Amino acid sequence: MRQLIAQVRRTLPFELPEARVCDGPCEGCSLKLLDYLEGELDLWERRLDEGERPGLAELSKLARTSRKVHKVLLKNNLLSH
C-alpha cells in the first residue's frame, strides 16, 4: 500500500496551482478529483501509521480510483502520455 501511495504521489500533479488545474474546458473536475484522491492517500497513510493492514480489496480500490483520476487528468491535458 505504501508503494502504491508513493507511486500515485509521484505520478499525479497534486502540487499544481488551482489556476492551472482549472484552465480551459475539462471532462470531470480535475481539482475535485485530485482533492478527493489526496484525502484518500492521507487517510491510508494515517491508517498504516496506526498499524492497520489493508486487504487486497482496499489496495485494489485505491489503485482503481487512482487509475480513473489519472485517465481524467490525461483527457484534461494535465498529464503527458
N, C-alpha and C. Protein backbone atom coordinates (compact mmCIF):
# COMPACT_ATOMS: atom_id res chain seq x y z
N MET A 1 0.83 -1.19 0.00
CA MET A 1 0.00 0.00 0.00
C MET A 1 0.87 1.25 0.00
N ARG A 2 1.94 1.22 0.81
CA ARG A 2 2.82 2.41 0.83
C ARG A 2 3.48 2.64 -0.53
N GLN A 3 3.81 1.56 -1.22
CA GLN A 3 4.40 1.70 -2.56
C GLN A 3 3.40 2.31 -3.53
N LEU A 4 2.17 1.86 -3.45
CA LEU A 4 1.13 2.42 -4.31
C LEU A 4 0.93 3.90 -4.02
N ILE A 5 0.86 4.26 -2.76
CA ILE A 5 0.68 5.67 -2.38
C ILE A 5 1.84 6.51 -2.90
N ALA A 6 3.06 6.03 -2.75
CA ALA A 6 4.23 6.78 -3.23
C ALA A 6 4.19 6.93 -4.74
N GLN A 7 3.80 5.89 -5.44
CA GLN A 7 3.74 5.95 -6.90
C GLN A 7 2.67 6.95 -7.35
N VAL A 8 1.53 6.94 -6.72
CA VAL A 8 0.46 7.88 -7.07
C VAL A 8 0.92 9.30 -6.81
N ARG A 9 1.56 9.54 -5.68
CA ARG A 9 2.03 10.90 -5.35
C ARG A 9 3.09 11.37 -6.34
N ARG A 10 3.93 10.45 -6.84
CA ARG A 10 4.95 10.82 -7.82
C ARG A 10 4.34 11.10 -9.19
N THR A 11 3.28 10.39 -9.53
CA THR A 11 2.72 10.43 -10.87
C THR A 11 1.73 11.56 -11.09
N LEU A 12 0.88 11.82 -10.12
CA LEU A 12 -0.18 12.81 -10.30
C LEU A 12 0.24 14.18 -9.80
N PRO A 13 -0.24 15.23 -10.46
CA PRO A 13 0.20 16.60 -10.16
C PRO A 13 -0.56 17.27 -9.01
N PHE A 14 -0.42 16.74 -7.81
CA PHE A 14 -1.11 17.31 -6.66
C PHE A 14 -0.65 18.74 -6.36
N GLU A 15 0.56 19.08 -6.77
CA GLU A 15 1.14 20.38 -6.43
C GLU A 15 0.74 21.49 -7.40
N LEU A 16 0.04 21.17 -8.49
CA LEU A 16 -0.35 22.20 -9.46
C LEU A 16 -1.27 23.23 -8.81
N PRO A 17 -1.05 24.49 -9.14
CA PRO A 17 -1.95 25.52 -8.60
C PRO A 17 -3.35 25.38 -9.20
N GLU A 18 -4.33 25.82 -8.45
CA GLU A 18 -5.73 25.70 -8.88
C GLU A 18 -5.95 26.36 -10.24
N ALA A 19 -5.31 27.49 -10.48
CA ALA A 19 -5.49 28.19 -11.76
C ALA A 19 -5.04 27.33 -12.94
N ARG A 20 -4.03 26.54 -12.76
CA ARG A 20 -3.53 25.66 -13.83
C ARG A 20 -4.46 24.46 -14.01
N VAL A 21 -4.95 23.91 -12.91
CA VAL A 21 -5.82 22.74 -12.97
C VAL A 21 -7.15 23.11 -13.63
N CYS A 22 -7.64 24.29 -13.36
CA CYS A 22 -8.96 24.72 -13.86
C CYS A 22 -8.86 25.62 -15.08
N ASP A 23 -7.83 25.45 -15.88
CA ASP A 23 -7.61 26.29 -17.06
C ASP A 23 -8.19 25.58 -18.29
N GLY A 24 -9.22 26.15 -18.86
CA GLY A 24 -9.79 25.62 -20.09
C GLY A 24 -10.88 24.60 -19.84
N PRO A 25 -11.43 24.08 -20.95
CA PRO A 25 -12.51 23.09 -20.84
C PRO A 25 -11.98 21.78 -20.25
N CYS A 26 -12.88 21.07 -19.58
CA CYS A 26 -12.44 19.81 -18.98
C CYS A 26 -13.58 18.80 -18.96
N GLU A 27 -13.21 17.55 -18.82
CA GLU A 27 -14.17 16.45 -18.66
C GLU A 27 -13.99 15.93 -17.24
N GLY A 28 -14.93 16.21 -16.37
CA GLY A 28 -14.75 15.86 -14.96
C GLY A 28 -13.94 16.94 -14.29
N CYS A 29 -14.19 17.19 -13.05
CA CYS A 29 -13.49 18.25 -12.34
C CYS A 29 -12.17 17.72 -11.79
N SER A 30 -11.09 18.08 -12.46
CA SER A 30 -9.77 17.61 -12.06
C SER A 30 -9.42 18.05 -10.65
N LEU A 31 -9.79 19.26 -10.29
CA LEU A 31 -9.47 19.78 -8.97
C LEU A 31 -10.16 18.95 -7.88
N LYS A 32 -11.43 18.68 -8.06
CA LYS A 32 -12.16 17.88 -7.07
C LYS A 32 -11.62 16.46 -7.01
N LEU A 33 -11.28 15.90 -8.16
CA LEU A 33 -10.74 14.54 -8.18
C LEU A 33 -9.39 14.47 -7.47
N LEU A 34 -8.53 15.46 -7.72
CA LEU A 34 -7.23 15.49 -7.04
C LEU A 34 -7.40 15.67 -5.54
N ASP A 35 -8.31 16.54 -5.14
CA ASP A 35 -8.57 16.74 -3.72
C ASP A 35 -9.08 15.46 -3.07
N TYR A 36 -10.01 14.80 -3.73
CA TYR A 36 -10.57 13.55 -3.20
C TYR A 36 -9.47 12.49 -3.05
N LEU A 37 -8.68 12.31 -4.10
CA LEU A 37 -7.65 11.28 -4.07
C LEU A 37 -6.57 11.60 -3.04
N GLU A 38 -6.21 12.85 -2.92
CA GLU A 38 -5.22 13.22 -1.90
C GLU A 38 -5.74 12.92 -0.50
N GLY A 39 -7.02 13.16 -0.28
CA GLY A 39 -7.64 12.83 1.00
C GLY A 39 -7.59 11.33 1.28
N GLU A 40 -7.85 10.53 0.25
CA GLU A 40 -7.79 9.08 0.39
C GLU A 40 -6.36 8.62 0.72
N LEU A 41 -5.38 9.21 0.04
CA LEU A 41 -3.98 8.86 0.29
C LEU A 41 -3.58 9.23 1.72
N ASP A 42 -3.98 10.43 2.14
CA ASP A 42 -3.67 10.88 3.51
C ASP A 42 -4.31 9.94 4.54
N LEU A 43 -5.56 9.57 4.29
CA LEU A 43 -6.27 8.67 5.20
C LEU A 43 -5.55 7.33 5.31
N TRP A 44 -5.14 6.78 4.18
CA TRP A 44 -4.45 5.49 4.22
C TRP A 44 -3.08 5.59 4.89
N GLU A 45 -2.40 6.71 4.68
CA GLU A 45 -1.11 6.88 5.37
C GLU A 45 -1.32 6.89 6.89
N ARG A 46 -2.34 7.58 7.36
CA ARG A 46 -2.63 7.59 8.80
C ARG A 46 -2.99 6.20 9.29
N ARG A 47 -3.83 5.51 8.54
CA ARG A 47 -4.25 4.17 8.94
C ARG A 47 -3.05 3.22 8.99
N LEU A 48 -2.15 3.33 8.04
CA LEU A 48 -0.95 2.48 8.03
C LEU A 48 -0.06 2.83 9.22
N ASP A 49 0.08 4.12 9.51
CA ASP A 49 0.89 4.54 10.66
C ASP A 49 0.33 4.01 11.97
N GLU A 50 -0.99 3.82 12.01
CA GLU A 50 -1.64 3.28 13.21
C GLU A 50 -1.60 1.75 13.25
N GLY A 51 -0.97 1.15 12.25
CA GLY A 51 -0.79 -0.30 12.27
C GLY A 51 -1.81 -1.11 11.49
N GLU A 52 -2.73 -0.43 10.82
CA GLU A 52 -3.73 -1.17 10.05
C GLU A 52 -3.07 -1.81 8.82
N ARG A 53 -3.52 -3.00 8.51
CA ARG A 53 -3.01 -3.72 7.35
C ARG A 53 -4.15 -3.87 6.34
N PRO A 54 -4.04 -3.20 5.19
CA PRO A 54 -5.11 -3.26 4.20
C PRO A 54 -5.15 -4.63 3.53
N GLY A 55 -6.34 -5.00 3.12
CA GLY A 55 -6.51 -6.23 2.37
C GLY A 55 -6.41 -5.95 0.88
N LEU A 56 -6.53 -6.98 0.11
CA LEU A 56 -6.47 -6.86 -1.34
C LEU A 56 -7.59 -5.96 -1.87
N ALA A 57 -8.75 -6.03 -1.28
CA ALA A 57 -9.88 -5.21 -1.73
C ALA A 57 -9.57 -3.73 -1.58
N GLU A 58 -9.00 -3.33 -0.45
CA GLU A 58 -8.66 -1.91 -0.23
C GLU A 58 -7.57 -1.44 -1.18
N LEU A 59 -6.59 -2.30 -1.38
CA LEU A 59 -5.50 -1.97 -2.30
C LEU A 59 -6.03 -1.82 -3.72
N SER A 60 -6.87 -2.74 -4.13
CA SER A 60 -7.44 -2.70 -5.47
C SER A 60 -8.32 -1.47 -5.67
N LYS A 61 -9.08 -1.11 -4.64
CA LYS A 61 -9.96 0.06 -4.73
C LYS A 61 -9.15 1.34 -4.91
N LEU A 62 -8.09 1.49 -4.13
CA LEU A 62 -7.26 2.68 -4.25
C LEU A 62 -6.56 2.72 -5.61
N ALA A 63 -6.09 1.59 -6.09
CA ALA A 63 -5.44 1.54 -7.40
C ALA A 63 -6.44 1.89 -8.50
N ARG A 64 -7.65 1.36 -8.42
CA ARG A 64 -8.68 1.63 -9.42
C ARG A 64 -9.06 3.11 -9.42
N THR A 65 -9.24 3.69 -8.25
CA THR A 65 -9.57 5.10 -8.15
C THR A 65 -8.45 5.95 -8.74
N SER A 66 -7.21 5.60 -8.44
CA SER A 66 -6.06 6.35 -8.94
C SER A 66 -5.99 6.28 -10.46
N ARG A 67 -6.26 5.11 -11.03
CA ARG A 67 -6.25 4.98 -12.49
C ARG A 67 -7.34 5.83 -13.13
N LYS A 68 -8.52 5.87 -12.52
CA LYS A 68 -9.61 6.67 -13.06
C LYS A 68 -9.27 8.16 -13.03
N VAL A 69 -8.69 8.61 -11.93
CA VAL A 69 -8.29 10.03 -11.83
C VAL A 69 -7.21 10.31 -12.86
N HIS A 70 -6.25 9.42 -13.01
CA HIS A 70 -5.18 9.58 -13.99
C HIS A 70 -5.77 9.74 -15.39
N LYS A 71 -6.75 8.91 -15.71
CA LYS A 71 -7.38 8.96 -17.03
C LYS A 71 -8.04 10.32 -17.29
N VAL A 72 -8.74 10.85 -16.29
CA VAL A 72 -9.38 12.16 -16.44
C VAL A 72 -8.32 13.25 -16.61
N LEU A 73 -7.25 13.17 -15.85
CA LEU A 73 -6.20 14.19 -15.96
C LEU A 73 -5.54 14.15 -17.33
N LEU A 74 -5.40 12.97 -17.91
CA LEU A 74 -4.88 12.87 -19.27
C LEU A 74 -5.82 13.56 -20.25
N LYS A 75 -7.12 13.28 -20.12
CA LYS A 75 -8.11 13.89 -21.02
C LYS A 75 -8.11 15.42 -20.89
N ASN A 76 -7.84 15.91 -19.70
CA ASN A 76 -7.83 17.35 -19.45
C ASN A 76 -6.47 17.99 -19.69
N ASN A 77 -5.55 17.22 -20.28
CA ASN A 77 -4.21 17.71 -20.64
C ASN A 77 -3.40 18.21 -19.46
N LEU A 78 -3.58 17.58 -18.30
CA LEU A 78 -2.78 17.93 -17.13
C LEU A 78 -1.61 16.98 -16.95
N LEU A 79 -1.60 15.91 -17.74
CA LEU A 79 -0.50 14.95 -17.75
C LEU A 79 -0.13 14.67 -19.19
N SER A 80 1.11 14.31 -19.41
CA SER A 80 1.52 13.90 -20.76
C SER A 80 1.46 12.38 -20.85
N HIS A 81 1.24 11.91 -22.03
CA HIS A 81 1.11 10.45 -22.24
C HIS A 81 2.41 9.77 -22.01
